[in-house]
């Protein structure tokens, strides 16, 4: 994924060496090449080979995410920590923007009134505003956001281009991700307790690299 290479020769050397170690230690993995490009970046970002088995891809999920990014979609995040990790210039080159609604005016009040979390209320707001349809939605921290997104897809017809469901935690995290495996939209899910913002960022960066490569290949 040349689009995501480091800017300096030493940075590129270290990155290449790191990916070579990941490939060597992972061995046979059974993932399709595009899926492995996502999984290896997650392993690279976390130094955790458990993700080799924990990541679950719905059919065509990687292609759907890369196509959405290449078309300049919105990347909607559950927490600002994901925004902080994203390479804004890389996304801008694809015509994409990233948003987090957690601190939008009225979200905290809506959460208190509904007896839920700000992350869930923010996802509900995104659904009402029509921002979910066609978006890449990345959930790395809040299982309640993933649960609400699953409800919006099942009950209200929300149709993100891709759901990245990788919230980390002990309360509701594994359960929300198991439920997300039944989403009627393309999805990448990290089963179990592990996940987090670095995982969500790594998935997006892998997809952005694929989107840039495919865009280059498609150019006349």
Protein backbone atom coordinates (compact mmCIF):
# COMPACT_ATOMS: atom_id res chain seq x y z
CA UNK A 1 0.00 0.00 0.00
CA UNK A 2 2.26 2.71 -1.29
CA UNK A 3 -0.19 5.45 -0.38
CA UNK A 4 0.41 4.82 3.30
CA UNK A 5 4.21 4.58 3.29
CA UNK A 6 6.30 6.62 5.69
CA UNK A 7 7.68 9.96 4.49
CA UNK A 8 11.36 9.27 5.21
CA UNK A 9 13.69 6.51 4.08
CA UNK A 10 14.31 5.35 7.66
CA UNK A 11 10.59 5.36 8.40
CA UNK A 12 9.95 3.27 5.29
CA UNK A 13 12.71 0.84 6.29
CA UNK A 14 11.25 0.34 9.75
CA UNK A 15 7.72 -0.02 8.41
CA UNK A 16 8.80 -2.55 5.78
CA UNK A 17 10.73 -4.54 8.39
CA UNK A 18 7.73 -4.49 10.72
CA UNK A 19 5.37 -5.79 8.06
CA UNK A 20 7.89 -8.48 7.11
CA UNK A 21 7.92 -9.65 10.74
CA UNK A 22 4.11 -9.66 10.83
CA UNK A 23 3.94 -11.73 7.64
CA UNK A 24 6.57 -14.18 8.85
CA UNK A 25 5.09 -14.71 12.31
CA UNK A 26 1.49 -14.87 11.08
CA UNK A 27 2.22 -17.72 8.71
CA UNK A 28 -0.78 -19.24 6.92
CA UNK A 29 -3.87 -17.21 7.76
CA UNK A 30 -6.60 -18.19 5.31
CA UNK A 31 -7.69 -14.61 4.65
CA UNK A 32 -8.23 -13.19 1.19
CA UNK A 33 -5.45 -10.79 0.12
CA UNK A 34 -7.54 -7.66 0.65
CA UNK A 35 -8.69 -8.88 4.08
CA UNK A 36 -5.13 -9.72 5.05
CA UNK A 37 -4.01 -6.21 4.09
CA UNK A 38 -6.44 -4.92 6.73
CA UNK A 39 -5.60 -7.54 9.35
CA UNK A 40 -1.82 -7.11 8.99
CA UNK A 41 -2.13 -3.34 9.48
CA UNK A 42 -4.17 -3.95 12.64
CA UNK A 43 -1.52 -6.37 13.89
CA UNK A 44 1.17 -3.86 12.97
CA UNK A 45 -0.65 -1.14 14.94
CA UNK A 46 -1.25 -3.26 18.04
CA UNK A 47 1.53 -5.91 18.03
CA UNK A 48 -1.29 -8.34 18.81
CA UNK A 49 -1.60 -11.44 16.64
CA UNK A 50 -4.94 -12.31 18.25
CA UNK A 51 -6.51 -10.04 15.65
CA UNK A 52 -5.46 -12.52 12.99
CA UNK A 53 -8.31 -14.70 14.26
CA UNK A 54 -10.55 -12.12 15.91
CA UNK A 55 -11.26 -9.99 12.85
CA UNK A 56 -14.39 -11.05 10.99
CA UNK A 57 -15.19 -9.72 7.52
CA UNK A 58 -18.59 -9.90 5.88
CA UNK A 59 -18.43 -10.84 2.19
CA UNK A 60 -17.17 -7.91 0.14
CA UNK A 61 -16.64 -5.69 3.20
CA UNK A 62 -13.13 -4.57 2.29
CA UNK A 63 -14.10 -3.79 -1.29
CA UNK A 64 -17.16 -1.85 -0.10
CA UNK A 65 -15.14 0.22 2.35
CA UNK A 66 -12.40 1.00 -0.16
CA UNK A 67 -14.97 1.96 -2.80
CA UNK A 68 -16.76 4.29 -0.38
CA UNK A 69 -13.52 6.02 0.56
CA UNK A 70 -12.52 6.30 -3.07
CA UNK A 71 -15.88 7.99 -3.73
CA UNK A 72 -15.20 10.57 -1.00
CA UNK A 73 -17.55 9.32 1.72
CA UNK A 74 -17.99 10.63 5.24
CA UNK A 75 -16.05 8.77 7.94
CA UNK A 76 -18.17 8.90 11.09
CA UNK A 77 -16.38 8.05 14.36
CA UNK A 78 -17.77 7.27 17.80
CA UNK A 79 -14.99 9.13 19.66
CA UNK A 80 -12.59 11.95 18.93
CA UNK A 81 -9.66 9.65 19.69
CA UNK A 82 -10.19 8.05 16.28
CA UNK A 83 -10.19 11.46 14.62
CA UNK A 84 -6.88 12.21 16.29
CA UNK A 85 -5.30 9.08 14.86
CA UNK A 86 -6.51 9.50 11.29
CA UNK A 87 -4.27 10.93 8.60
CA UNK A 88 -6.46 13.85 7.52
CA UNK A 89 -4.33 14.58 4.46
CA UNK A 90 -4.71 11.00 3.19
CA UNK A 91 -8.48 11.19 3.61
CA UNK A 92 -8.67 14.63 2.02
CA UNK A 93 -6.77 13.31 -1.00
CA UNK A 94 -9.66 10.88 -1.49
CA UNK A 95 -12.22 13.64 -0.97
CA UNK A 96 -13.26 12.26 2.43
CA UNK A 97 -13.99 14.06 5.68
CA UNK A 98 -14.22 12.64 9.20
CA UNK A 99 -16.60 13.65 11.96
CA UNK A 100 -17.44 12.78 15.54
CA UNK A 101 -20.78 13.95 16.97
CA UNK A 102 -20.04 13.15 20.60
CA UNK A 103 -19.71 16.79 21.65
CA UNK A 104 -22.39 18.25 19.38
CA UNK A 105 -24.81 20.54 21.20
CA UNK A 106 -27.79 18.64 22.56
CA UNK A 107 -26.22 15.18 22.49
CA UNK A 108 -25.51 15.04 26.24
CA UNK A 109 -29.02 16.25 27.04
CA UNK A 110 -30.56 13.69 24.68
CA UNK A 111 -28.49 10.92 26.29
CA UNK A 112 -29.62 11.88 29.77
CA UNK A 113 -33.25 12.06 28.70
CA UNK A 114 -33.09 8.65 27.04
CA UNK A 115 -31.06 7.05 29.83
CA UNK A 116 -28.28 6.10 27.46
CA UNK A 117 -24.74 7.18 26.63
CA UNK A 118 -23.57 10.18 24.62
CA UNK A 119 -22.07 7.80 22.06
CA UNK A 120 -25.44 6.11 21.49
CA UNK A 121 -27.24 9.44 21.35
CA UNK A 122 -24.71 10.74 18.83
CA UNK A 123 -25.28 7.69 16.63
CA UNK A 124 -29.03 8.28 16.84
CA UNK A 125 -28.47 11.90 15.82
CA UNK A 126 -26.42 10.76 12.84
CA UNK A 127 -29.26 8.49 11.80
CA UNK A 128 -31.84 11.27 12.03
CA UNK A 129 -29.60 13.59 10.02
CA UNK A 130 -29.12 10.99 7.27
CA UNK A 131 -25.36 10.89 7.75
CA UNK A 132 -25.13 7.13 8.17
CA UNK A 133 -26.18 6.20 4.66
CA UNK A 134 -23.12 5.68 2.48
CA UNK A 135 -20.69 6.47 5.31
CA UNK A 136 -17.86 4.43 6.75
CA UNK A 137 -18.82 4.25 10.43
CA UNK A 138 -15.93 3.47 12.78
CA UNK A 139 -16.74 2.45 16.36
CA UNK A 140 -13.67 1.81 18.48
CA UNK A 141 -14.63 2.65 22.03
CA UNK A 142 -18.36 2.63 22.73
CA UNK A 143 -20.29 -0.66 22.59
CA UNK A 144 -23.48 1.34 23.12
CA UNK A 145 -22.80 3.18 19.84
CA UNK A 146 -22.43 -0.12 18.00
CA UNK A 147 -25.61 -1.47 19.59
CA UNK A 148 -27.52 1.66 18.56
CA UNK A 149 -26.11 1.48 15.04
CA UNK A 150 -27.23 -2.14 14.78
CA UNK A 151 -30.72 -1.05 15.84
CA UNK A 152 -30.77 1.79 13.32
CA UNK A 153 -29.80 -0.62 10.54
CA UNK A 154 -32.32 -3.27 11.56
CA UNK A 155 -35.28 -1.08 12.50
CA UNK A 156 -34.86 2.22 10.65
CA UNK A 157 -33.16 1.16 7.44
CA UNK A 158 -29.83 2.93 7.94
CA UNK A 159 -27.36 1.80 5.31
CA UNK A 160 -23.71 2.66 5.97
CA UNK A 161 -21.27 1.67 3.24
CA UNK A 162 -19.22 -0.11 5.92
CA UNK A 163 -19.39 -0.59 9.67
CA UNK A 164 -16.09 -1.00 11.52
CA UNK A 165 -17.22 -2.51 14.82
CA UNK A 166 -14.20 -2.80 17.07
CA UNK A 167 -15.12 -1.32 20.47
CA UNK A 168 -12.87 -2.36 23.34
CA UNK A 169 -14.14 -3.14 26.81
CA UNK A 170 -15.62 -5.43 29.41
CA UNK A 171 -19.27 -4.30 29.58
CA UNK A 172 -21.22 -5.04 26.43
CA UNK A 173 -18.26 -4.94 24.06
CA UNK A 174 -18.14 -8.61 23.04
CA UNK A 175 -21.92 -8.81 23.01
CA UNK A 176 -22.36 -5.75 20.79
CA UNK A 177 -19.85 -7.14 18.32
CA UNK A 178 -21.48 -10.57 18.18
CA UNK A 179 -24.78 -8.83 17.40
CA UNK A 180 -23.07 -6.71 14.75
CA UNK A 181 -22.08 -9.86 12.87
CA UNK A 182 -25.73 -10.03 11.79
CA UNK A 183 -25.74 -6.50 10.35
CA UNK A 184 -27.41 -6.31 6.92
CA UNK A 185 -24.58 -4.04 5.69
CA UNK A 186 -20.87 -4.70 5.02
CA UNK A 187 -18.91 -4.90 8.25
CA UNK A 188 -15.55 -5.59 9.82
CA UNK A 189 -15.84 -6.76 13.43
CA UNK A 190 -13.22 -7.64 16.06
CA UNK A 191 -14.79 -10.41 18.11
CA UNK A 192 -14.24 -10.53 21.85
CA UNK A 193 -13.13 -7.82 24.27
CA UNK A 194 -10.18 -6.48 22.32
CA UNK A 195 -10.35 -3.51 19.97
CA UNK A 196 -10.11 0.23 20.47
CA UNK A 197 -9.37 3.42 18.56
CA UNK A 198 -5.97 2.21 17.24
CA UNK A 199 -7.70 -0.78 15.66
CA UNK A 200 -10.38 1.39 14.05
CA UNK A 201 -7.72 3.79 12.75
CA UNK A 202 -5.65 0.92 11.35
CA UNK A 203 -8.66 -0.49 9.48
CA UNK A 204 -9.45 2.91 7.96
CA UNK A 205 -5.84 3.49 6.94
CA UNK A 206 -5.65 0.07 5.32
CA UNK A 207 -8.83 0.78 3.37
CA UNK A 208 -7.58 4.22 2.39
CA UNK A 209 -4.40 2.65 1.04
CA UNK A 210 -6.43 0.18 -1.01
CA UNK A 211 -8.71 2.97 -2.23
CA UNK A 212 -5.74 5.04 -3.37
CA UNK A 213 -4.11 2.08 -5.11
CA UNK A 214 -7.31 1.12 -6.91
CA UNK A 215 -7.90 4.72 -7.89
CA UNK A 216 -4.42 4.91 -9.36
CA UNK A 217 -4.88 1.65 -11.22
CA UNK A 218 -8.22 2.81 -12.58
CA UNK A 219 -6.84 6.09 -13.90
CA UNK A 220 -6.34 6.27 -17.70
